[in-house]
Amino acid sequence: MKNTIRYLAVLGLAVLAWQLMPASSPQVAPSAATEAGDTAVPVARLTDDTARVHFAVAGMTCGSCAATARVVLDDLDGVYRSHVSYDSASATIWYDPAQVSPPVIIARLKEMTGYQATVTSGESE
């Protein structure tokens, strides 16, 4: 019975996440840039107010972990969209660099979920 309830809860989160997903992904601008702050972090510029960054995420043990991480990331001010994959232990985040930075995203993910994230790239794979 508990497994059925857990399954339904995860399924409900997945359906909710799918419904909240934008109809189209942001389009990548022709050039990539590096955002400089306290430390240089590679990011891919999508528009004037949107950047994309890829993370390696350690500590997830199941697909539900990825769903939880996505909810946490999408709830962060300045994050437009996130995609978290348990299979590849990675995350891609589209965000407004004027509102949030990769170090803040990493800290929030660690604080709320315990998962360790490291920047892998700002350019599409």
PDB file of N, CA and C in Angstrom:
ATOM      1  N   MET A   1       0.822  -1.199   0.000  1.00  0.00           N
ATOM      2  CA  MET A   1       0.000   0.000   0.000  1.00  0.00           C
ATOM      3  C   MET A   1       0.866   1.263   0.000  1.00  0.00           C
ATOM      4  N   LYS A   2       1.946   1.258   0.832  1.00  0.00           N
ATOM      5  CA  LYS A   2       2.813   2.432   0.887  1.00  0.00           C
ATOM      6  C   LYS A   2       3.486   2.674  -0.463  1.00  0.00           C
ATOM      7  N   ASN A   3       3.902   1.584  -1.124  1.00  0.00           N
ATOM      8  CA  ASN A   3       4.542   1.737  -2.431  1.00  0.00           C
ATOM      9  C   ASN A   3       3.570   2.316  -3.449  1.00  0.00           C
ATOM     10  N   THR A   4       2.311   1.912  -3.381  1.00  0.00           N
ATOM     11  CA  THR A   4       1.303   2.444  -4.299  1.00  0.00           C
ATOM     12  C   THR A   4       1.106   3.934  -4.058  1.00  0.00           C
ATOM     13  N   ILE A   5       1.053   4.337  -2.815  1.00  0.00           N
ATOM     14  CA  ILE A   5       0.882   5.756  -2.485  1.00  0.00           C
ATOM     15  C   ILE A   5       2.088   6.557  -2.958  1.00  0.00           C
ATOM     16  N   ARG A   6       3.299   6.022  -2.736  1.00  0.00           N
ATOM     17  CA  ARG A   6       4.511   6.706  -3.194  1.00  0.00           C
ATOM     18  C   ARG A   6       4.510   6.841  -4.710  1.00  0.00           C
ATOM     19  N   TYR A   7       4.138   5.763  -5.388  1.00  0.00           N
ATOM     20  CA  TYR A   7       4.093   5.783  -6.841  1.00  0.00           C
ATOM     21  C   TYR A   7       3.116   6.852  -7.340  1.00  0.00           C
ATOM     22  N   LEU A   8       1.957   6.904  -6.740  1.00  0.00           N
ATOM     23  CA  LEU A   8       0.957   7.894  -7.154  1.00  0.00           C
ATOM     24  C   LEU A   8       1.436   9.312  -6.873  1.00  0.00           C
ATOM     25  N   ALA A   9       2.148   9.504  -5.762  1.00  0.00           N
ATOM     26  CA  ALA A   9       2.677  10.831  -5.432  1.00  0.00           C
ATOM     27  C   ALA A   9       3.720  11.257  -6.460  1.00  0.00           C
ATOM     28  N   VAL A  10       4.633  10.348  -6.828  1.00  0.00           N
ATOM     29  CA  VAL A  10       5.655  10.665  -7.828  1.00  0.00           C
ATOM     30  C   VAL A  10       5.011  10.908  -9.183  1.00  0.00           C
ATOM     31  N   LEU A  11       4.042  10.081  -9.539  1.00  0.00           N
ATOM     32  CA  LEU A  11       3.343  10.257 -10.798  1.00  0.00           C
ATOM     33  C   LEU A  11       2.639  11.613 -10.835  1.00  0.00           C
ATOM     34  N   GLY A  12       2.031  11.991  -9.724  1.00  0.00           N
ATOM     35  CA  GLY A  12       1.369  13.295  -9.640  1.00  0.00           C
ATOM     36  C   GLY A  12       2.349  14.433  -9.824  1.00  0.00           C
ATOM     37  N   LEU A  13       3.552  14.323  -9.224  1.00  0.00           N
ATOM     38  CA  LEU A  13       4.580  15.352  -9.405  1.00  0.00           C
ATOM     39  C   LEU A  13       5.020  15.422 -10.861  1.00  0.00           C
ATOM     40  N   ALA A  14       5.180  14.259 -11.480  1.00  0.00           N
ATOM     41  CA  ALA A  14       5.612  14.233 -12.879  1.00  0.00           C
ATOM     42  C   ALA A  14       4.568  14.880 -13.786  1.00  0.00           C
ATOM     43  N   VAL A  15       3.308  14.578 -13.558  1.00  0.00           N
ATOM     44  CA  VAL A  15       2.239  15.172 -14.370  1.00  0.00           C
ATOM     45  C   VAL A  15       2.189  16.676 -14.149  1.00  0.00           C
ATOM     46  N   LEU A  16       2.311  17.107 -12.897  1.00  0.00           N
ATOM     47  CA  LEU A  16       2.307  18.534 -12.593  1.00  0.00           C
ATOM     48  C   LEU A  16       3.485  19.229 -13.268  1.00  0.00           C
ATOM     49  N   ALA A  17       4.670  18.635 -13.184  1.00  0.00           N
ATOM     50  CA  ALA A  17       5.851  19.230 -13.812  1.00  0.00           C
ATOM     51  C   ALA A  17       5.665  19.323 -15.323  1.00  0.00           C
ATOM     52  N   TRP A  18       5.084  18.288 -15.926  1.00  0.00           N
ATOM     53  CA  TRP A  18       4.859  18.293 -17.365  1.00  0.00           C
ATOM     54  C   TRP A  18       3.883  19.400 -17.754  1.00  0.00           C
ATOM     55  N   GLN A  19       2.842  19.587 -16.947  1.00  0.00           N
ATOM     56  CA  GLN A  19       1.853  20.615 -17.248  1.00  0.00           C
ATOM     57  C   GLN A  19       2.425  22.016 -17.094  1.00  0.00           C
ATOM     58  N   LEU A  20       3.373  22.183 -16.194  1.00  0.00           N
ATOM     59  CA  LEU A  20       3.959  23.502 -15.955  1.00  0.00           C
ATOM     60  C   LEU A  20       5.075  23.837 -16.930  1.00  0.00           C
ATOM     61  N   MET A  21       5.542  22.838 -17.696  1.00  0.00           N
ATOM     62  CA  MET A  21       6.619  23.059 -18.633  1.00  0.00           C
ATOM     63  C   MET A  21       6.164  23.988 -19.751  1.00  0.00           C
ATOM     64  N   PRO A  22       7.027  24.955 -20.129  1.00  0.00           N
ATOM     65  CA  PRO A  22       6.647  25.845 -21.215  1.00  0.00           C
ATOM     66  C   PRO A  22       6.453  25.075 -22.520  1.00  0.00           C
ATOM     67  N   ALA A  23       5.635  25.631 -23.400  1.00  0.00           N
ATOM     68  CA  ALA A  23       5.338  24.963 -24.667  1.00  0.00           C
ATOM     69  C   ALA A  23       6.578  24.812 -25.531  1.00  0.00           C
ATOM     70  N   SER A  24       7.500  25.764 -25.443  1.00  0.00           N
ATOM     71  CA  SER A  24       8.731  25.650 -26.225  1.00  0.00           C
ATOM     72  C   SER A  24       9.910  26.053 -25.361  1.00  0.00           C
ATOM     73  N   SER A  25      11.039  25.418 -25.613  1.00  0.00           N
ATOM     74  CA  SER A  25      12.259  25.752 -24.892  1.00  0.00           C
ATOM     75  C   SER A  25      12.816  27.060 -25.415  1.00  0.00           C
ATOM     76  N   PRO A  26      13.553  27.782 -24.571  1.00  0.00           N
ATOM     77  CA  PRO A  26      14.195  29.000 -25.061  1.00  0.00           C
ATOM     78  C   PRO A  26      15.163  28.658 -26.193  1.00  0.00           C
ATOM     79  N   GLN A  27      15.297  29.565 -27.137  1.00  0.00           N
ATOM     80  CA  GLN A  27      16.193  29.342 -28.263  1.00  0.00           C
ATOM     81  C   GLN A  27      17.586  29.851 -27.915  1.00  0.00           C
ATOM     82  N   VAL A  28      18.590  29.097 -28.291  1.00  0.00           N
ATOM     83  CA  VAL A  28      19.971  29.463 -28.000  1.00  0.00           C
ATOM     84  C   VAL A  28      20.440  30.508 -28.994  1.00  0.00           C
ATOM     85  N   ALA A  29      21.044  31.565 -28.461  1.00  0.00           N
ATOM     86  CA  ALA A  29      21.623  32.597 -29.315  1.00  0.00           C
ATOM     87  C   ALA A  29      22.861  32.027 -29.997  1.00  0.00           C
ATOM     88  N   PRO A  30      23.296  32.602 -31.126  1.00  0.00           N
ATOM     89  CA  PRO A  30      24.425  32.045 -31.852  1.00  0.00           C
ATOM     90  C   PRO A  30      25.726  32.022 -31.077  1.00  0.00           C
ATOM     91  N   SER A  31      25.931  32.956 -30.158  1.00  0.00           N
ATOM     92  CA  SER A  31      27.202  32.992 -29.443  1.00  0.00           C
ATOM     93  C   SER A  31      27.024  32.623 -27.990  1.00  0.00           C
ATOM     94  N   ALA A  32      28.084  32.061 -27.415  1.00  0.00           N
ATOM     95  CA  ALA A  32      28.090  31.721 -25.992  1.00  0.00           C
ATOM     96  C   ALA A  32      28.983  32.722 -25.280  1.00  0.00           C
ATOM     97  N   ALA A  33      28.680  32.957 -24.022  1.00  0.00           N
ATOM     98  CA  ALA A  33      29.467  33.918 -23.254  1.00  0.00           C
ATOM     99  C   ALA A  33      29.832  33.316 -21.916  1.00  0.00           C
ATOM    100  N   THR A  34      30.793  33.909 -21.246  1.00  0.00           N
ATOM    101  CA  THR A  34      31.164  33.492 -19.907  1.00  0.00           C
ATOM    102  C   THR A  34      30.780  34.599 -18.955  1.00  0.00           C
ATOM    103  N   GLU A  35      30.039  34.222 -17.910  1.00  0.00           N
ATOM    104  CA  GLU A  35      29.612  35.186 -16.907  1.00  0.00           C
ATOM    105  C   GLU A  35      30.710  35.280 -15.858  1.00  0.00           C
ATOM    106  N   ALA A  36      31.148  36.481 -15.544  1.00  0.00           N
ATOM    107  CA  ALA A  36      32.178  36.657 -14.530  1.00  0.00           C
ATOM    108  C   ALA A  36      31.556  37.277 -13.290  1.00  0.00           C
ATOM    109  N   GLY A  37      31.791  36.669 -12.178  1.00  0.00           N
ATOM    110  CA  GLY A  37      31.330  37.182 -10.899  1.00  0.00           C
ATOM    111  C   GLY A  37      32.489  37.014  -9.948  1.00  0.00           C
ATOM    112  N   ASP A  38      32.216  36.423  -8.778  1.00  0.00           N
ATOM    113  CA  ASP A  38      33.298  36.105  -7.861  1.00  0.00           C
ATOM    114  C   ASP A  38      34.241  35.086  -8.503  1.00  0.00           C
ATOM    115  N   THR A  39      33.660  34.150  -9.250  1.00  0.00           N
ATOM    116  CA  THR A  39      34.444  33.173 -10.005  1.00  0.00           C
ATOM    117  C   THR A  39      33.853  33.109 -11.408  1.00  0.00           C
ATOM    118  N   ALA A  40      34.674  32.798 -12.372  1.00  0.00           N
ATOM    119  CA  ALA A  40      34.177  32.686 -13.742  1.00  0.00           C
ATOM    120  C   ALA A  40      33.411  31.380 -13.881  1.00  0.00           C
ATOM    121  N   VAL A  41      32.197  31.452 -14.389  1.00  0.00           N
ATOM    122  CA  VAL A  41      31.332  30.289 -14.565  1.00  0.00           C
ATOM    123  C   VAL A  41      30.872  30.265 -16.011  1.00  0.00           C
ATOM    124  N   PRO A  42      31.083  29.138 -16.716  1.00  0.00           N
ATOM    125  CA  PRO A  42      30.646  29.110 -18.109  1.00  0.00           C
ATOM    126  C   PRO A  42      29.130  29.040 -18.214  1.00  0.00           C
ATOM    127  N   VAL A  43      28.559  29.911 -19.008  1.00  0.00           N
ATOM    128  CA  VAL A  43      27.120  29.899 -19.257  1.00  0.00           C
ATOM    129  C   VAL A  43      26.874  30.146 -20.731  1.00  0.00           C
ATOM    130  N   ALA A  44      25.777  29.645 -21.240  1.00  0.00           N
ATOM    131  CA  ALA A  44      25.387  29.912 -22.621  1.00  0.00           C
ATOM    132  C   ALA A  44      24.272  30.940 -22.591  1.00  0.00           C
ATOM    133  N   ARG A  45      24.442  32.043 -23.292  1.00  0.00           N
ATOM    134  CA  ARG A  45      23.422  33.086 -23.336  1.00  0.00           C
ATOM    135  C   ARG A  45      22.303  32.650 -24.269  1.00  0.00           C
ATOM    136  N   LEU A  46      21.068  32.809 -23.817  1.00  0.00           N
ATOM    137  CA  LEU A  46      19.926  32.473 -24.643  1.00  0.00           C
ATOM    138  C   LEU A  46      19.279  33.724 -25.195  1.00  0.00           C
ATOM    139  N   THR A  47      19.056  34.712 -24.347  1.00  0.00           N
ATOM    140  CA  THR A  47      18.576  36.029 -24.742  1.00  0.00           C
ATOM    141  C   THR A  47      19.310  37.013 -23.851  1.00  0.00           C
ATOM    142  N   ASP A  48      18.946  38.286 -23.916  1.00  0.00           N
ATOM    143  CA  ASP A  48      19.626  39.271 -23.085  1.00  0.00           C
ATOM    144  C   ASP A  48      19.456  38.995 -21.593  1.00  0.00           C
ATOM    145  N   ASP A  49      18.330  38.403 -21.207  1.00  0.00           N
ATOM    146  CA  ASP A  49      18.098  38.175 -19.782  1.00  0.00           C
ATOM    147  C   ASP A  49      18.031  36.692 -19.415  1.00  0.00           C
ATOM    148  N   THR A  50      18.493  35.812 -20.283  1.00  0.00           N
ATOM    149  CA  THR A  50      18.437  34.383 -19.999  1.00  0.00           C
ATOM    150  C   THR A  50      19.785  33.736 -20.261  1.00  0.00           C
ATOM    151  N   ALA A  51      20.196  32.874 -19.350  1.00  0.00           N
ATOM    152  CA  ALA A  51      21.425  32.101 -19.521  1.00  0.00           C
ATOM    153  C   ALA A  51      21.108  30.649 -19.196  1.00  0.00           C
ATOM    154  N   ARG A  52      21.973  29.756 -19.654  1.00  0.00           N
ATOM    155  CA  ARG A  52      21.788  28.329 -19.385  1.00  0.00           C
ATOM    156  C   ARG A  52      23.090  27.778 -18.836  1.00  0.00           C
ATOM    157  N   VAL A  53      22.976  26.922 -17.841  1.00  0.00           N
ATOM    158  CA  VAL A  53      24.159  26.292 -17.264  1.00  0.00           C
ATOM    159  C   VAL A  53      23.849  24.820 -17.011  1.00  0.00           C
ATOM    160  N   HIS A  54      24.864  23.968 -17.183  1.00  0.00           N
ATOM    161  CA  HIS A  54      24.736  22.531 -16.945  1.00  0.00           C
ATOM    162  C   HIS A  54      25.480  22.175 -15.666  1.00  0.00           C
ATOM    163  N   PHE A  55      24.882  21.303 -14.876  1.00  0.00           N
ATOM    164  CA  PHE A  55      25.491  20.832 -13.644  1.00  0.00           C
ATOM    165  C   PHE A  55      25.581  19.312 -13.638  1.00  0.00           C
ATOM    166  N   ALA A  56      26.598  18.783 -12.992  1.00  0.00           N
ATOM    167  CA  ALA A  56      26.626  17.378 -12.611  1.00  0.00           C
ATOM    168  C   ALA A  56      26.035  17.351 -11.203  1.00  0.00           C
ATOM    169  N   VAL A  57      25.116  16.426 -10.943  1.00  0.00           N
ATOM    170  CA  VAL A  57      24.433  16.368  -9.650  1.00  0.00           C
ATOM    171  C   VAL A  57      24.716  15.010  -9.012  1.00  0.00           C
ATOM    172  N   ALA A  58      25.291  15.027  -7.815  1.00  0.00           N
ATOM    173  CA  ALA A  58      25.608  13.796  -7.087  1.00  0.00           C
ATOM    174  C   ALA A  58      24.675  13.661  -5.887  1.00  0.00           C
ATOM    175  N   GLY A  59      24.296  12.424  -5.585  1.00  0.00           N
ATOM    176  CA  GLY A  59      23.489  12.164  -4.400  1.00  0.00           C
ATOM    177  C   GLY A  59      22.076  11.719  -4.694  1.00  0.00           C
ATOM    178  N   MET A  60      21.644  11.801  -5.945  1.00  0.00           N
ATOM    179  CA  MET A  60      20.293  11.344  -6.283  1.00  0.00           C
ATOM    180  C   MET A  60      20.288   9.816  -6.344  1.00  0.00           C
ATOM    181  N   THR A  61      19.247   9.209  -5.795  1.00  0.00           N
ATOM    182  CA  THR A  61      19.171   7.750  -5.770  1.00  0.00           C
ATOM    183  C   THR A  61      18.016   7.183  -6.589  1.00  0.00           C
ATOM    184  N   CYS A  62      17.142   8.057  -7.109  1.00  0.00           N
ATOM    185  CA  CYS A  62      15.995   7.567  -7.885  1.00  0.00           C
ATOM    186  C   CYS A  62      15.398   8.712  -8.706  1.00  0.00           C
ATOM    187  N   GLY A  63      14.431   8.383  -9.537  1.00  0.00           N
ATOM    188  CA  GLY A  63      13.772   9.385 -10.355  1.00  0.00           C
ATOM    189  C   GLY A  63      13.020  10.417  -9.534  1.00  0.00           C
ATOM    190  N   SER A  64      12.538  10.006  -8.385  1.00  0.00           N
ATOM    191  CA  SER A  64      11.829  10.933  -7.517  1.00  0.00           C
ATOM    192  C   SER A  64      12.775  12.022  -6.990  1.00  0.00           C
ATOM    193  N   CYS A  65      14.036  11.651  -6.796  1.00  0.00           N
ATOM    194  CA  CYS A  65      15.035  12.635  -6.368  1.00  0.00           C
ATOM    195  C   CYS A  65      15.175  13.733  -7.423  1.00  0.00           C
ATOM    196  N   ALA A  66      15.187  13.323  -8.689  1.00  0.00           N
ATOM    197  CA  ALA A  66      15.297  14.300  -9.778  1.00  0.00           C
ATOM    198  C   ALA A  66      14.071  15.210  -9.804  1.00  0.00           C
ATOM    199  N   ALA A  67      12.884  14.645  -9.580  1.00  0.00           N
ATOM    200  CA  ALA A  67      11.659  15.447  -9.550  1.00  0.00           C
ATOM    201  C   ALA A  67      11.702  16.448  -8.398  1.00  0.00           C
ATOM    202  N   THR A  68      12.184  16.015  -7.254  1.00  0.00           N
ATOM    203  CA  THR A  68      12.302  16.902  -6.097  1.00  0.00           C
ATOM    204  C   THR A  68      13.286  18.034  -6.383  1.00  0.00           C
ATOM    205  N   ALA A  69      14.418  17.696  -6.984  1.00  0.00           N
ATOM    206  CA  ALA A  69      15.419  18.713  -7.314  1.00  0.00           C
ATOM    207  C   ALA A  69      14.836  19.734  -8.283  1.00  0.00           C
ATOM    208  N   ARG A  70      14.071  19.255  -9.243  1.00  0.00           N
ATOM    209  CA  ARG A  70      13.475  20.167 -10.223  1.00  0.00           C
ATOM    210  C   ARG A  70      12.493  21.130  -9.562  1.00  0.00           C
ATOM    211  N   VAL A  71      11.684  20.633  -8.645  1.00  0.00           N
ATOM    212  CA  VAL A  71      10.737  21.497  -7.937  1.00  0.00           C
ATOM    213  C   VAL A  71      11.495  22.567  -7.158  1.00  0.00           C
ATOM    214  N   VAL A  72      12.571  22.178  -6.484  1.00  0.00           N
ATOM    215  CA  VAL A  72      13.377  23.128  -5.707  1.00  0.00           C
ATOM    216  C   VAL A  72      13.988  24.174  -6.631  1.00  0.00           C
ATOM    217  N   LEU A  73      14.547  23.746  -7.744  1.00  0.00           N
ATOM    218  CA  LEU A  73      15.196  24.684  -8.665  1.00  0.00           C
ATOM    219  C   LEU A  73      14.191  25.625  -9.318  1.00  0.00           C
ATOM    220  N   ASP A  74      13.071  25.078  -9.762  1.00  0.00           N
ATOM    221  CA  ASP A  74      12.067  25.918 -10.419  1.00  0.00           C
ATOM    222  C   ASP A  74      11.442  26.929  -9.460  1.00  0.00           C
ATOM    223  N   ASP A  75      11.504  26.653  -8.168  1.00  0.00           N
ATOM    224  CA  ASP A  75      10.938  27.559  -7.170  1.00  0.00           C
ATOM    225  C   ASP A  75      11.879  28.717  -6.828  1.00  0.00           C
ATOM    226  N   LEU A  76      13.112  28.642  -7.278  1.00  0.00           N
ATOM    227  CA  LEU A  76      14.108  29.675  -6.978  1.00  0.00           C
ATOM    228  C   LEU A  76      13.860  30.901  -7.858  1.00  0.00           C
ATOM    229  N   ASP A  77      13.807  32.082  -7.236  1.00  0.00           N
ATOM    230  CA  ASP A  77      13.611  33.326  -7.988  1.00  0.00           C
ATOM    231  C   ASP A  77      14.716  33.479  -9.024  1.00  0.00           C
ATOM    232  N   GLY A  78      14.329  33.795 -10.248  1.00  0.00           N
ATOM    233  CA  GLY A  78      15.288  33.981 -11.321  1.00  0.00           C
ATOM    234  C   GLY A  78      15.497  32.750 -12.184  1.00  0.00           C
ATOM    235  N   VAL A  79      15.017  31.591 -11.745  1.00  0.00           N
ATOM    236  CA  VAL A  79      15.126  30.374 -12.549  1.00  0.00           C
ATOM    237  C   VAL A  79      13.864  30.264 -13.387  1.00  0.00           C
ATOM    238  N   TYR A  80      14.052  30.235 -14.715  1.00  0.00           N
ATOM    239  CA  TYR A  80      12.914  30.133 -15.623  1.00  0.00           C
ATOM    240  C   TYR A  80      12.470  28.689 -15.801  1.00  0.00           C
ATOM    241  N   ARG A  81      13.446  27.785 -15.903  1.00  0.00           N
ATOM    242  CA  ARG A  81      13.134  26.391 -16.195  1.00  0.00           C
ATOM    243  C   ARG A  81      14.329  25.537 -15.805  1.00  0.00           C
ATOM    244  N   SER A  82      14.057  24.308 -15.397  1.00  0.00           N
ATOM    245  CA  SER A  82      15.142  23.387 -15.125  1.00  0.00           C
ATOM    246  C   SER A  82      14.783  22.008 -15.651  1.00  0.00           C
ATOM    247  N   HIS A  83      15.808  21.254 -15.993  1.00  0.00           N
ATOM    248  CA  HIS A  83      15.637  19.863 -16.390  1.00  0.00           C
ATOM    249  C   HIS A  83      16.646  19.069 -15.582  1.00  0.00           C
ATOM    250  N   VAL A  84      16.169  18.127 -14.784  1.00  0.00           N
ATOM    251  CA  VAL A  84      17.040  17.306 -13.946  1.00  0.00           C
ATOM    252  C   VAL A  84      16.879  15.862 -14.380  1.00  0.00           C
ATOM    253  N   SER A  85      18.003  15.178 -14.608  1.00  0.00           N
ATOM    254  CA  SER A  85      17.980  13.785 -15.049  1.00  0.00           C
ATOM    255  C   SER A  85      18.682  12.896 -14.032  1.00  0.00           C
ATOM    256  N   TYR A  86      17.947  11.926 -13.502  1.00  0.00           N
ATOM    257  CA  TYR A  86      18.553  10.938 -12.614  1.00  0.00           C
ATOM    258  C   TYR A  86      19.496  10.040 -13.406  1.00  0.00           C
ATOM    259  N   ASP A  87      19.080   9.650 -14.621  1.00  0.00           N
ATOM    260  CA  ASP A  87      19.872   8.726 -15.436  1.00  0.00           C
ATOM    261  C   ASP A  87      21.260   9.256 -15.746  1.00  0.00           C
ATOM    262  N   SER A  88      21.360  10.539 -16.062  1.00  0.00           N
ATOM    263  CA  SER A  88      22.670  11.114 -16.387  1.00  0.00           C
ATOM    264  C   SER A  88      23.283  11.895 -15.223  1.00  0.00           C
ATOM    265  N   ALA A  89      22.590  11.911 -14.083  1.00  0.00           N
ATOM    266  CA  ALA A  89      23.060  12.637 -12.890  1.00  0.00           C
ATOM    267  C   ALA A  89      23.440  14.071 -13.254  1.00  0.00           C
ATOM    268  N   SER A  90      22.511  14.740 -13.946  1.00  0.00           N
ATOM    269  CA  SER A  90      22.808  16.092 -14.411  1.00  0.00           C
ATOM    270  C   SER A  90      21.575  16.981 -14.325  1.00  0.00           C
ATOM    271  N   ALA A  91      21.829  18.269 -14.460  1.00  0.00           N
ATOM    272  CA  ALA A  91      20.745  19.249 -14.478  1.00  0.00           C
ATOM    273  C   ALA A  91      21.119  20.364 -15.444  1.00  0.00           C
ATOM    274  N   THR A  92      20.114  20.897 -16.119  1.00  0.00           N
ATOM    275  CA  THR A  92      20.283  22.064 -16.973  1.00  0.00           C
ATOM    276  C   THR A  92      19.289  23.106 -16.472  1.00  0.00           C
ATOM    277  N   ILE A  93      19.798  24.309 -16.248  1.00  0.00           N
ATOM    278  CA  ILE A  93      18.961  25.369 -15.687  1.00  0.00           C
ATOM    279  C   ILE A  93      19.011  26.582 -16.615  1.00  0.00           C
ATOM    280  N   TRP A  94      17.834  27.123 -16.939  1.00  0.00           N
ATOM    281  CA  TRP A  94      17.698  28.377 -17.672  1.00  0.00           C
ATOM    282  C   TRP A  94      17.332  29.432 -16.638  1.00  0.00           C
ATOM    283  N   TYR A  95      18.089  30.525 -16.572  1.00  0.00           N
ATOM    284  CA  TYR A  95      17.903  31.492 -15.497  1.00  0.00           C
ATOM    285  C   TYR A  95      18.232  32.913 -15.939  1.00  0.00           C
ATOM    286  N   ASP A  96      17.835  33.871 -15.102  1.00  0.00           N
ATOM    287  CA  ASP A  96      18.136  35.281 -15.313  1.00  0.00           C
ATOM    288  C   ASP A  96      19.383  35.615 -14.497  1.00  0.00           C
ATOM    289  N   PRO A  97      20.526  35.883 -15.142  1.00  0.00           N
ATOM    290  CA  PRO A  97      21.755  36.149 -14.401  1.00  0.00           C
ATOM    291  C   PRO A  97      21.714  37.437 -13.569  1.00  0.00           C
ATOM    292  N   ALA A  98      20.733  38.298 -13.806  1.00  0.00           N
ATOM    293  CA  ALA A  98      20.591  39.501 -12.988  1.00  0.00           C
ATOM    294  C   ALA A  98      19.944  39.169 -11.638  1.00  0.00           C
ATOM    295  N   GLN A  99      19.255  38.027 -11.561  1.00  0.00           N
ATOM    296  CA  GLN A  99      18.552  37.663 -10.333  1.00  0.00           C
ATOM    297  C   GLN A  99      19.225  36.545  -9.546  1.00  0.00           C
ATOM    298  N   VAL A 100      19.910  35.637 -10.232  1.00  0.00           N
ATOM    299  CA  VAL A 100      20.482  34.472  -9.563  1.00  0.00           C
ATOM    300  C   VAL A 100      21.744  34.051 -10.312  1.00  0.00           C
ATOM    301  N   SER A 101      22.660  33.401  -9.615  1.00  0.00           N
ATOM    302  CA  SER A 101      23.909  32.951 -10.229  1.00  0.00           C
ATOM    303  C   SER A 101      24.108  31.458  -9.964  1.00  0.00           C
ATOM    304  N   PRO A 102      24.961  30.793 -10.740  1.00  0.00           N
ATOM    305  CA  PRO A 102      25.195  29.365 -10.511  1.00  0.00           C
ATOM    306  C   PRO A 102      25.613  29.016  -9.078  1.00  0.00           C
ATOM    307  N   PRO A 103      26.490  29.802  -8.418  1.00  0.00           N
ATOM    308  CA  PRO A 103      26.813  29.456  -7.037  1.00  0.00           C
ATOM    309  C   PRO A 103      25.590  29.492  -6.101  1.00  0.00           C
ATOM    310  N   VAL A 104      24.673  30.425  -6.340  1.00  0.00           N
ATOM    311  CA  VAL A 104      23.448  30.500  -5.534  1.00  0.00           C
ATOM    312  C   VAL A 104      22.565  29.288  -5.815  1.00  0.00           C
ATOM    313  N   ILE A 105      22.468  28.894  -7.088  1.00  0.00           N
ATOM    314  CA  ILE A 105      21.678  27.725  -7.460  1.00  0.00           C
ATOM    315  C   ILE A 105      22.241  26.480  -6.787  1.00  0.00           C
ATOM    316  N   ILE A 106      23.564  26.317  -6.825  1.00  0.00           N
ATOM    317  CA  ILE A 106      24.216  25.165  -6.197  1.00  0.00           C
ATOM    318  C   ILE A 106      23.951  25.145  -4.693  1.00  0.00           C
ATOM    319  N   ALA A 107      24.077  26.299  -4.054  1.00  0.00           N
ATOM    320  CA  ALA A 107      23.859  26.380  -2.605  1.00  0.00           C
ATOM    321  C   ALA A 107      22.418  26.036  -2.245  1.00  0.00           C
ATOM    322  N   ARG A 108      21.464  26.510  -3.025  1.00  0.00           N
ATOM    323  CA  ARG A 108      20.053  26.233  -2.742  1.00  0.00           C
ATOM    324  C   ARG A 108      19.734  24.750  -2.906  1.00  0.00           C
ATOM    325  N   LEU A 109      20.276  24.141  -3.957  1.00  0.00           N
ATOM    326  CA  LEU A 109      20.067  22.714  -4.182  1.00  0.00           C
ATOM    327  C   LEU A 109      20.641  21.904  -3.024  1.00  0.00           C
ATOM    328  N   LYS A 110      21.825  22.254  -2.566  1.00  0.00           N
ATOM    329  CA  LYS A 110      22.457  21.565  -1.435  1.00  0.00           C
ATOM    330  C   LYS A 110      21.644  21.755  -0.165  1.00  0.00           C
ATOM    331  N   GLU A 111      21.202  22.986   0.086  1.00  0.00           N
ATOM    332  CA  GLU A 111      20.444  23.304   1.298  1.00  0.00           C
ATOM    333  C   GLU A 111      19.104  22.552   1.355  1.00  0.00           C
ATOM    334  N   MET A 112      18.396  22.506   0.238  1.00  0.00           N
ATOM    335  CA  MET A 112      17.049  21.942   0.232  1.00  0.00           C
ATOM    336  C   MET A 112      17.001  20.434   0.005  1.00  0.00           C
ATOM    337  N   THR A 113      18.026  19.872  -0.668  1.00  0.00           N
ATOM    338  CA  THR A 113      17.967  18.447  -1.001  1.00  0.00           C
ATOM    339  C   THR A 113      19.159  17.643  -0.502  1.00  0.00           C
ATOM    340  N   GLY A 114      20.266  18.302  -0.269  1.00  0.00           N
ATOM    341  CA  GLY A 114      21.485  17.600   0.124  1.00  0.00           C
ATOM    342  C   GLY A 114      22.316  17.144  -1.065  1.00  0.00           C
ATOM    343  N   TYR A 115      21.864  17.382  -2.292  1.00  0.00           N
ATOM    344  CA  TYR A 115      22.603  16.950  -3.480  1.00  0.00           C
ATOM    345  C   TYR A 115      23.744  17.914  -3.773  1.00  0.00           C
ATOM    346  N   GLN A 116      24.880  17.368  -4.168  1.00  0.00           N
ATOM    347  CA  GLN A 116      26.043  18.168  -4.543  1.00  0.00           C
ATOM    348  C   GLN A 116      25.980  18.443  -6.036  1.00  0.00           C
ATOM    349  N   ALA A 117      26.159  19.685  -6.440  1.00  0.00           N
ATOM    350  CA  ALA A 117      26.158  20.042  -7.856  1.00  0.00           C
ATOM    351  C   ALA A 117      27.442  20.776  -8.194  1.00  0.00           C
ATOM    352  N   THR A 118      27.960  20.501  -9.380  1.00  0.00           N
ATOM    353  CA  THR A 118      29.125  21.213  -9.883  1.00  0.00           C
ATOM    354  C   THR A 118      28.851  21.616 -11.334  1.00  0.00           C
ATOM    355  N   VAL A 119      29.319  22.796 -11.691  1.00  0.00           N
ATOM    356  CA  VAL A 119      29.130  23.296 -13.043  1.00  0.00           C
ATOM    357  C   VAL A 119      29.975  22.457 -14.002  1.00  0.00           C
ATOM    358  N   THR A 120      29.346  21.967 -15.079  1.00  0.00           N
ATOM    359  CA  THR A 120      30.077  21.205 -16.081  1.00  0.00           C
ATOM    360  C   THR A 120      30.247  21.990 -17.374  1.00  0.00           C
ATOM    361  N   SER A 121      29.253  22.813 -17.733  1.00  0.00           N
ATOM    362  CA  SER A 121      29.331  23.536 -18.998  1.00  0.00           C
ATOM    363  C   SER A 121      28.206  24.558 -19.065  1.00  0.00           C
ATOM    364  N   GLY A 122      28.433  25.550 -19.925  1.00  0.00           N
ATOM    365  CA  GLY A 122      27.389  26.510 -20.207  1.00  0.00           C
ATOM    366  C   GLY A 122      26.923  26.390 -21.635  1.00  0.00           C
ATOM    367  N   GLU A 123      27.500  25.479 -22.374  1.00  0.00           N
ATOM    368  CA  GLU A 123      27.152  25.325 -23.779  1.00  0.00           C
ATOM    369  C   GLU A 123      26.405  24.019 -23.975  1.00  0.00           C
ATOM    370  N   SER A 124      25.573  23.992 -24.995  1.00  0.00           N
ATOM    371  CA  SER A 124      24.797  22.786 -25.262  1.00  0.00           C
ATOM    372  C   SER A 124      25.724  21.644 -25.626  1.00  0.00           C
ATOM    373  N   GLU A 125      25.324  20.464 -25.218  1.00  0.00           N
ATOM    374  CA  GLU A 125      26.128  19.248 -25.429  1.00  0.00           C
ATOM    375  C   GLU A 125      26.048  18.803 -26.861  1.00  0.00           C
TER     376      GLU A 125
END
